[in-house]
Protein backbone atom coordinates (compact mmCIF):
# COMPACT_ATOMS: atom_id res chain seq x y z
CA MET A 1 154.63 107.78 89.21
CA GLN A 2 156.18 105.23 86.86
CA ARG A 3 159.55 103.78 87.73
CA ILE A 4 162.06 104.11 84.90
CA ALA A 5 164.86 101.65 85.53
CA ARG A 6 168.34 101.55 84.09
CA THR A 7 168.45 99.73 80.75
CA ASP A 8 171.39 97.55 81.77
CA VAL A 9 169.33 95.78 84.41
CA THR A 10 165.62 96.24 83.69
CA GLY A 11 165.13 96.94 80.03
CA GLN A 12 167.95 95.15 78.31
CA SER A 13 166.87 93.92 74.92
CA THR A 14 168.93 91.28 73.16
CA SER A 15 168.61 89.69 69.76
CA ASN A 16 169.53 86.29 71.17
CA ILE A 17 167.70 86.37 74.50
CA SER A 18 167.73 82.92 76.05
CA ALA A 19 164.85 80.48 76.07
CA GLY A 20 164.94 80.75 79.85
CA TRP A 21 163.73 84.36 79.76
CA GLN A 22 161.02 83.44 77.28
CA GLU A 23 159.86 80.75 79.71
CA PHE A 24 159.95 83.36 82.48
CA GLY A 25 157.78 85.64 80.36
CA ARG A 26 155.21 82.92 79.75
CA ALA A 27 155.09 82.14 83.47
CA LEU A 28 154.72 85.84 84.32
CA ARG A 29 151.78 86.19 81.95
CA ALA A 30 150.15 83.03 83.33
CA TRP A 31 150.42 84.31 86.91
CA ARG A 32 149.09 87.75 85.92
CA GLU A 33 146.08 86.22 84.14
CA ARG A 34 145.50 83.83 87.04
CA ARG A 35 145.13 86.92 89.26
CA GLU A 36 142.78 88.45 86.62
CA LEU A 37 144.99 91.49 86.17
CA SER A 38 145.58 93.50 83.00
CA LEU A 39 149.04 94.81 82.17
CA ARG A 40 147.93 98.26 83.34
CA ASP A 41 146.51 96.80 86.58
CA LEU A 42 149.79 95.09 87.38
CA ALA A 43 151.78 98.19 86.41
CA GLU A 44 149.71 100.25 88.82
CA ARG A 45 150.42 97.80 91.65
CA ILE A 46 154.18 97.47 91.18
CA ARG A 47 154.73 100.99 89.76
CA TRP A 48 156.58 99.82 86.67
CA ASN A 49 155.71 100.84 83.09
CA TYR A 50 153.03 98.52 81.65
CA SER A 51 154.69 98.40 78.22
CA LEU A 52 157.92 97.22 79.83
CA ILE A 53 156.02 94.47 81.67
CA GLY A 54 154.60 93.44 78.31
CA LYS A 55 158.10 93.15 76.87
CA TRP A 56 159.10 90.95 79.84
CA GLU A 57 156.14 88.69 79.12
CA GLN A 58 157.09 88.49 75.44
CA GLY A 59 160.66 87.57 76.34
CA LYS A 60 162.00 90.65 74.54
CA HIS A 61 163.60 92.28 77.59
CA ARG A 62 165.32 90.86 80.66
CA PRO A 63 163.80 92.25 83.90
CA SER A 64 165.89 93.37 86.82
CA ALA A 65 166.35 91.37 89.99
CA ALA A 66 164.36 93.96 91.92
CA ALA A 67 161.48 93.74 89.43
CA ILE A 68 161.44 89.93 89.62
CA THR A 69 161.31 90.02 93.41
CA VAL A 70 158.39 92.47 93.38
CA LEU A 71 156.52 90.52 90.68
CA ASP A 72 156.86 87.22 92.53
CA ALA A 73 155.57 88.75 95.77
CA GLU A 74 152.75 90.77 94.19
CA LEU A 75 151.42 87.83 92.16
CA GLY A 76 151.85 85.33 95.00
CA ALA A 77 153.95 83.06 92.78
CA GLY A 78 155.55 81.34 95.78
CA GLY A 79 159.08 81.64 94.38
CA GLU A 80 158.28 80.23 90.92
CA LEU A 81 159.14 83.45 89.07
CA MET A 82 162.33 83.85 91.12
CA THR A 83 163.35 80.28 90.34
CA ARG A 84 162.70 80.67 86.60
CA ALA A 85 164.64 83.93 86.56
CA LEU A 86 167.54 82.32 88.42
CA HIS A 87 167.66 79.54 85.85
CA ALA A 88 167.57 82.03 82.97
CA ALA A 89 170.29 84.25 84.46
CA MET A 90 172.59 81.27 84.99
CA ALA A 91 171.90 80.08 81.44
CA ASP A 92 172.98 83.52 80.19
CA ALA A 93 176.21 83.19 82.14
CA ASP A 94 176.81 79.70 80.81
CA GLN A 95 176.18 80.83 77.23
CA LEU A 96 178.74 83.61 77.65
CA ARG A 97 181.22 81.13 79.12
CA ARG A 98 180.85 78.81 76.11
CA SER A 99 181.28 81.70 73.69
CA THR A 100 184.62 82.69 75.23
CA VAL A 101 186.09 79.37 76.32
CA GLU A 102 188.53 79.27 73.39
CA ALA A 103 189.72 82.83 73.82
CA LYS A 104 193.17 83.61 75.20
CA ALA A 105 193.59 85.65 78.38
CA SER A 106 193.45 89.35 77.57
CA ILE A 107 191.96 92.60 78.77
CA ARG A 108 188.90 91.75 76.71
CA ASP A 109 188.65 88.35 78.44
CA GLU A 110 188.79 90.05 81.82
CA GLY A 111 185.87 92.22 80.76
CA GLU A 112 183.94 89.15 79.71
CA ASP A 113 184.76 87.51 83.04
CA MET A 114 183.34 90.56 84.78
CA GLU A 115 180.19 90.36 82.64
CA ARG A 116 179.77 86.66 83.43
CA ARG A 117 180.15 87.36 87.13
CA ARG A 118 177.63 90.19 86.86
CA LEU A 119 175.12 87.85 85.23
CA MET A 120 175.64 85.23 87.94
CA ARG A 121 175.30 87.86 90.63
CA ASP A 122 172.10 89.08 88.99
CA ALA A 123 170.84 85.57 89.63
CA ALA A 124 171.82 85.88 93.28
CA VAL A 125 170.06 89.23 93.61
CA VAL A 126 166.87 87.57 92.37
CA ALA A 127 166.77 85.48 95.50
CA VAL A 128 168.34 87.64 98.21
CA GLY A 129 166.91 91.01 97.25
CA GLY A 130 168.10 94.00 95.30
CA ALA A 131 169.32 96.18 98.15
CA VAL A 132 171.94 94.04 99.86
CA ALA A 133 173.39 91.93 97.05
CA PRO A 134 175.12 94.72 95.05
CA VAL A 135 176.77 96.01 98.23
CA LEU A 136 177.85 92.48 99.12
CA ALA A 137 179.30 91.96 95.63
CA THR A 138 181.24 95.24 95.78
CA LEU A 139 182.67 94.46 99.21
CA THR A 140 183.58 90.93 98.16
CA ASP A 141 185.50 92.26 95.16
CA ALA A 142 187.25 94.80 97.37
CA TRP A 143 188.18 92.18 99.96
CA GLN A 144 189.59 89.85 97.30
CA ALA A 145 191.57 92.70 95.73
CA SER A 146 193.11 93.51 99.11
CA GLU A 147 194.42 89.98 99.73
CA PRO A 148 198.02 89.26 98.66
CA ARG A 149 198.19 86.73 95.82
CA ILE A 150 200.25 83.56 96.05
CA SER A 151 203.36 83.81 93.88
CA GLY A 152 202.47 82.77 90.33
CA ALA A 153 198.75 82.47 91.16
CA SER A 154 195.70 84.65 90.58
CA VAL A 155 194.26 83.92 94.04
CA SER A 156 195.30 84.22 97.66
CA GLN A 157 195.20 81.42 100.21
CA GLU A 158 192.62 83.47 102.10
CA MET A 159 190.33 83.39 99.05
CA ILE A 160 190.60 79.60 98.79
CA ASP A 161 189.95 79.22 102.52
CA ASP A 162 186.97 81.56 102.24
CA TRP A 163 185.44 79.46 99.45
CA GLU A 164 185.91 76.32 101.55
CA ASP A 165 184.17 78.05 104.46
CA ALA A 166 181.42 79.20 102.11
CA ALA A 167 180.75 75.59 101.08
CA ASP A 168 180.23 74.71 104.76
CA VAL A 169 177.74 77.57 105.09
CA HIS A 170 175.85 76.50 101.96
CA VAL A 171 175.58 72.94 103.31
CA ARG A 172 174.06 74.18 106.56
CA ARG A 173 171.65 76.55 104.84
CA ALA A 174 170.53 73.83 102.42
CA TYR A 175 168.77 72.09 105.31
CA VAL A 176 166.50 75.05 106.10
CA ASP A 177 166.34 77.41 103.10
CA ALA A 178 164.41 76.99 99.86
CA PRO A 179 166.56 75.51 97.02
CA ALA A 180 166.40 78.69 94.92
CA ILE A 181 167.83 80.75 97.78
CA VAL A 182 170.72 78.33 98.34
CA LEU A 183 171.40 78.07 94.61
CA ALA A 184 171.63 81.84 94.32
CA GLY A 185 174.40 82.02 96.91
CA LEU A 186 176.22 79.11 95.27
CA ALA A 187 175.97 80.84 91.89
CA ALA A 188 177.62 83.98 93.21
CA ASP A 189 180.48 82.07 94.84
CA PHE A 190 181.12 79.77 91.87
CA ALA A 191 181.09 82.80 89.56
CA ASP A 192 183.91 84.24 91.68
CA MET A 193 185.93 81.03 91.38
CA ALA A 194 185.31 80.30 87.70
CA PRO A 195 187.79 82.76 86.12
CA HIS A 196 190.60 81.42 88.34
CA LEU A 197 189.81 77.82 87.39
CA ASN A 198 190.53 78.68 83.75
CA ARG A 199 193.95 80.20 84.44
CA PHE A 200 197.30 78.60 85.06
CA GLN A 201 197.98 78.18 88.78
CA PRO A 202 200.82 76.51 90.69
CA GLU A 203 199.95 72.85 91.26
CA SER A 204 199.17 73.15 94.98
CA VAL A 205 197.00 76.22 94.38
CA ASP A 206 195.19 74.52 91.52
CA ARG A 207 194.39 71.51 93.71
CA GLY A 208 193.11 73.69 96.55
CA LEU A 209 191.01 75.77 94.19
CA ALA A 210 189.57 72.65 92.53
CA HIS A 211 188.76 71.17 95.95
CA ALA A 212 186.60 74.16 96.94
CA ALA A 213 185.04 74.37 93.47
CA ALA A 214 184.15 70.65 93.49
CA ARG A 215 182.22 71.07 96.74
CA HIS A 216 180.31 74.01 95.28
CA ALA A 217 179.60 72.13 92.05
CA ALA A 218 178.15 69.17 93.97
CA LEU A 219 175.88 71.48 95.94
CA ILE A 220 174.81 73.27 92.76
CA ALA A 221 173.91 69.90 91.22
CA GLY A 222 171.85 69.02 94.28
CA LYS A 223 169.91 72.28 94.26
CA TRP A 224 169.14 71.98 90.54
CA PHE A 225 167.87 68.48 91.32
CA ASP A 226 165.68 69.79 94.14
CA LEU A 227 164.21 72.35 91.74
CA GLY A 228 163.37 69.61 89.23
CA HIS A 229 166.02 70.55 86.63
CA HIS A 230 167.62 67.13 86.38
CA ARG A 231 169.51 67.83 83.14
CA GLU A 232 171.26 70.75 84.84
CA ALA A 233 171.95 68.53 87.85
CA HIS A 234 173.69 65.91 85.72
CA ARG A 235 175.79 68.59 84.03
CA TRP A 236 177.02 69.78 87.42
CA TRP A 237 177.64 66.26 88.74
CA LYS A 238 179.88 65.73 85.75
CA LYS A 239 181.67 68.99 86.61
CA THR A 240 181.97 67.77 90.22
CA ARG A 241 183.75 64.59 89.16
CA THR A 242 186.15 66.52 86.91
CA LEU A 243 187.03 68.97 89.66
CA SER A 244 187.38 66.19 92.28
CA GLU A 245 189.86 64.40 90.04
CA ARG A 246 191.74 67.66 89.53
CA ALA A 247 191.88 68.17 93.31
CA GLY A 248 193.59 64.78 93.69
CA ASP A 249 191.54 63.93 96.79
CA THR A 250 190.05 60.43 96.61
CA LEU A 251 188.03 60.81 99.79
CA LEU A 252 186.56 64.06 98.47
CA ALA A 253 185.58 62.28 95.24
CA SER A 254 184.08 59.43 97.27
CA GLY A 255 181.97 61.78 99.36
CA LEU A 256 180.72 63.89 96.46
CA ILE A 257 179.90 60.88 94.26
CA GLY A 258 178.04 59.49 97.26
CA TRP A 259 176.01 62.71 97.35
CA GLU A 260 175.22 62.19 93.68
CA ALA A 261 173.86 58.71 94.37
CA ALA A 262 171.83 60.02 97.32
CA TYR A 263 170.06 62.52 95.07
CA ARG A 264 169.69 60.37 91.99
CA ARG A 265 167.99 57.54 93.83
CA GLN A 266 165.03 59.90 94.30
CA ASP A 267 164.60 60.67 90.59
CA PRO A 268 161.68 58.73 89.03
CA GLY A 269 163.47 58.83 85.69
CA GLU A 270 166.58 57.04 86.98
CA ASP A 271 167.39 53.34 86.68
CA LEU A 272 167.99 52.39 90.32
CA ASN A 273 170.43 49.67 89.29
CA ALA A 274 172.54 52.38 87.62
CA VAL A 275 172.29 54.48 90.78
CA LEU A 276 173.40 51.45 92.81
CA ALA A 277 176.52 51.26 90.62
CA VAL A 278 177.26 54.93 91.45
CA ALA A 279 176.81 54.26 95.18
CA GLN A 280 179.13 51.25 94.96
CA LEU A 281 181.75 53.32 93.14
CA ALA A 282 181.62 55.89 95.94
CA ARG A 283 182.02 53.13 98.53
CA ARG A 284 185.02 51.63 96.71
CA LEU A 285 186.70 55.03 96.42
CA ALA A 286 186.40 55.38 100.20
CA GLY A 287 188.81 52.44 100.58
CA ASP A 288 188.86 49.75 103.25
CA GLN A 289 190.01 51.76 106.24
CA PRO A 290 187.25 53.09 108.54
CA SER A 291 186.42 56.71 107.68
CA LEU A 292 183.45 59.02 107.64
CA SER A 293 183.31 58.68 103.87
CA LEU A 294 183.14 54.89 104.11
CA VAL A 295 180.38 55.08 106.74
CA ASP A 296 178.32 57.46 104.58
CA ASN A 297 178.75 55.48 101.40
CA CYS A 298 178.05 52.07 102.93
CA GLY A 299 174.85 53.60 104.28
CA SER A 300 174.00 55.11 100.91
CA GLU A 301 174.42 51.75 99.19
CA ALA A 302 172.14 50.14 101.80
CA GLN A 303 169.43 52.73 101.09
CA VAL A 304 169.51 52.14 97.33
CA LEU A 305 169.20 48.40 97.94
CA ALA A 306 166.17 49.09 100.16
CA MET A 307 164.56 51.14 97.40
CA LEU A 308 165.14 48.26 94.99
CA GLY A 309 163.22 45.99 97.38
CA ARG A 310 166.34 43.92 98.13
CA HIS A 311 165.69 44.14 101.85
CA ASP A 312 167.90 41.30 103.11
CA GLU A 313 170.88 42.74 101.22
CA SER A 314 169.99 46.24 102.41
CA ILE A 315 169.92 45.22 106.08
CA ALA A 316 173.19 43.30 105.68
CA ALA A 317 174.80 46.38 104.10
CA TRP A 318 173.50 48.51 106.96
CA ARG A 319 175.07 46.18 109.51
CA VAL A 320 178.39 46.63 107.71
CA THR A 321 177.84 50.39 107.98
CA GLU A 322 177.38 50.11 111.74
CA GLU A 323 180.49 47.93 112.06
CA VAL A 324 182.58 50.50 110.16
CA PHE A 325 181.17 53.21 112.40
CA ASP A 326 182.18 51.25 115.52
CA ARG A 327 185.74 50.90 114.14
CA LEU A 328 186.27 54.61 113.47
CA PRO A 329 189.59 55.67 115.01
CA SER A 330 189.50 57.82 118.09
CA GLY A 331 189.94 61.44 117.17
CA VAL A 332 187.84 61.13 114.00
CA SER A 333 184.76 63.31 114.25
CA ALA A 334 181.62 61.21 114.41
CA PRO A 335 179.17 61.57 111.52
CA ASP A 336 176.03 63.58 112.03
CA PRO A 337 173.92 61.27 114.21
CA GLY A 338 170.81 62.44 112.41
CA SER A 339 172.13 61.12 109.09
CA MET A 340 172.74 57.69 110.62
CA HIS A 341 169.25 57.55 112.10
CA TYR A 342 167.78 58.80 108.83
CA ALA A 343 169.45 55.97 106.90
CA ARG A 344 168.18 53.41 109.44
CA SER A 345 164.70 54.86 109.12
CA VAL A 346 164.72 54.58 105.31
CA ILE A 347 165.94 50.98 105.40
CA TYR A 348 163.60 49.64 108.09
CA THR A 349 160.56 51.65 106.99
CA LEU A 350 160.81 50.17 103.51
CA ALA A 351 161.50 46.71 104.96
CA GLY A 352 158.36 46.95 107.10
CA ASP A 353 160.19 46.68 110.42
CA ALA A 354 158.11 49.19 112.37
CA THR A 355 159.98 48.69 115.65
CA ARG A 356 163.44 49.50 114.30
CA ALA A 357 162.11 52.28 112.05
CA THR A 358 160.32 53.92 114.97
CA ASP A 359 163.43 53.60 117.15
CA ALA A 360 165.45 55.42 114.47
CA GLN A 361 162.88 58.21 114.22
CA SER A 362 162.58 58.57 117.99
CA ALA A 363 166.37 58.85 118.32
CA VAL A 364 166.31 62.06 116.27
CA GLU A 365 163.78 63.86 118.46
CA GLY A 366 165.31 67.07 119.77
CA LEU A 367 168.28 67.02 117.38
CA TYR A 368 166.74 69.36 114.80
CA GLN A 369 164.38 72.29 114.62
CA PRO A 370 161.03 71.45 112.96
CA GLU A 371 161.97 73.35 109.78
CA HIS A 372 165.15 71.28 109.28
CA ARG A 373 164.98 69.08 106.19
CA THR A 374 165.92 65.87 108.02
CA ALA A 375 163.13 66.37 110.56
CA THR A 376 160.65 66.83 107.72
CA LEU A 377 161.77 63.71 105.85
CA LEU A 378 161.66 61.56 108.99
CA ALA A 379 158.13 62.78 109.68
CA PHE A 380 157.09 61.31 106.32
CA HIS A 381 158.72 58.01 107.29
CA ASN A 382 156.65 58.00 110.46
CA ALA A 383 153.51 58.58 108.41
CA ALA A 384 154.51 55.64 106.22
CA ILE A 385 154.73 53.30 109.22
CA HIS A 386 151.13 54.16 110.09
CA ALA A 387 150.04 53.83 106.46
CA ARG A 388 150.77 50.08 106.47
CA THR A 389 147.93 49.44 108.90
CA ASP A 390 145.96 52.70 108.64
CA PRO A 391 146.39 54.02 105.08
CA VAL A 392 143.94 56.89 105.53
CA GLY A 393 145.61 58.05 108.76
CA GLY A 394 149.08 57.73 107.23
CA ALA A 395 148.08 59.67 104.12
CA GLN A 396 146.45 62.38 106.21
CA ARG A 397 149.61 62.74 108.32
CA ALA A 398 151.66 63.17 105.14
CA LEU A 399 149.20 65.75 103.80
CA GLN A 400 149.44 67.71 107.05
CA ILE A 401 153.25 67.78 106.75
CA MET A 402 152.96 69.08 103.18
CA GLU A 403 150.47 71.75 104.24
CA ARG A 404 152.85 73.06 106.92
CA LEU A 405 155.68 73.50 104.41
CA PRO A 406 155.99 76.66 102.30
CA ALA A 407 155.27 75.84 98.65
CA GLU A 408 158.85 76.68 97.61
CA ARG A 409 160.08 73.81 99.80
CA TRP A 410 157.98 71.18 98.04
CA ASP A 411 161.09 70.13 96.18
CA THR A 412 162.00 66.82 94.57
CA ARG A 413 163.36 65.19 97.73
CA VAL A 414 160.44 66.26 99.90
CA LYS A 415 157.97 64.83 97.39
CA ALA A 416 160.06 61.66 97.17
CA ALA A 417 159.96 61.20 100.95
CA ALA A 418 156.19 61.74 100.97
CA ARG A 419 155.73 59.08 98.30
CA ILE A 420 157.05 56.40 100.61
CA VAL A 421 153.58 56.51 102.20
CA LEU A 422 152.08 55.55 98.84
CA LYS A 423 154.66 52.81 98.33
CA VAL A 424 153.95 50.98 101.57
CA ALA A 425 150.16 51.52 101.74
CA PRO A 426 148.08 48.40 100.98
CA GLU A 427 147.06 47.94 97.35
CA GLU A 428 143.36 48.17 98.17
CA ALA A 429 143.84 51.64 99.71
CA ARG A 430 144.99 53.33 96.51
CA GLY A 431 141.50 54.56 95.61
CA LEU A 432 140.86 56.26 98.95
CA PRO A 433 140.44 60.07 98.74
CA ALA A 434 143.35 60.95 101.08
CA VAL A 435 145.67 58.59 99.22
CA ARG A 436 144.63 59.99 95.85
CA GLU A 437 145.19 63.55 97.09
CA LEU A 438 148.67 62.67 98.32
CA ARG A 439 149.48 61.03 95.00
CA ALA A 440 148.43 64.18 93.15
CA LEU A 441 150.56 66.44 95.39
CA THR A 442 153.66 64.28 95.09
CA ALA A 443 153.54 63.44 91.39
CA GLY A 444 157.04 63.25 89.95
CA GLY A 445 158.91 61.96 93.02
CA ARG A 446 160.26 58.58 94.09
CA SER A 447 159.85 56.97 97.48
CA ALA A 448 162.59 57.56 100.08
């Protein structure tokens, strides 16, 4: 029996369908042909009309979230179709936002806001599944409607607090979930905030709203970066800076700009000297008084210097980081110890100090589950230490780490960490089979 889906979610045809859906269609056709399936074969497997699948491939219709999920699983696309669909759905929402940005608030604008949020939530459904997401969206709307608004504002304090809490959740999930999954949740939350950001709010409410939105924007930028969409990442880093300034929180701006530098240093297309300037800006914004932000940003600057090969300066900057850490006032929560050890590992692995690098890696043992991102990145550092004296063994260790990871987690930062093995391996080892294989798997990343 063929499944006939509602036209608003599975068969919507538009005269100006985005390039993102056309790219999705080309990818869908490529995966179908790779599996040696005809349109009718695939239709039989997923129980959708074959002519509708053909329109998806041609970019004439936008498929539903449920259809995308089934297609990705049936074709074994490893999340690629879900990621492309997420990108396309968010591009639709952004196009609608640009088309209405000059409009005045009205009933029509509210309808357009609802459409934009629906598009963004479609993107979320792509990743989290068609059954739960619509229920979640309905309940979220109902919860927000039940909260009393602040006088003169379009939001409640509970809504702002909830978005701040949501940012904390997204940060935690980013260490263990695939980037597309995290980005989907961020898209749904930012879509909820966006209409309120464009309306007049009392000053204190506007600052609180901008604070939560800035944190989401920084995370969105990072996930786009992980997925390899660096243009989108830069767009959202720019949005992050604007929102941080609007929030009036210098330490927030310092921390989020520091995040930007931490991502950008792993982009092979970036000028590392320009990234160093970003890291130094973040450190200056943190001020002179000991704080978690100053610790993080001193460490970030030290890591960029290490990647530039300026090892003496990098180690000196790291010692400053440790001094600031030692001077943190009592009562200030200590930074994540894993992040400190990770920074030490980057710096001393690149400097060739195997003893200190190994000490840093050993100190993290037991802190994280094996699937945690930091544990994975440190494992690559350990492989790099071995690669200096045993390039084949080091490359094989790195390949084993890659093989244990699901394909959807082979993101930009993972590939960048793996490439440190290639960076430190002796020149004469570059032609060895294991080294060549690792280079092929990690093409497009930078080392650290």
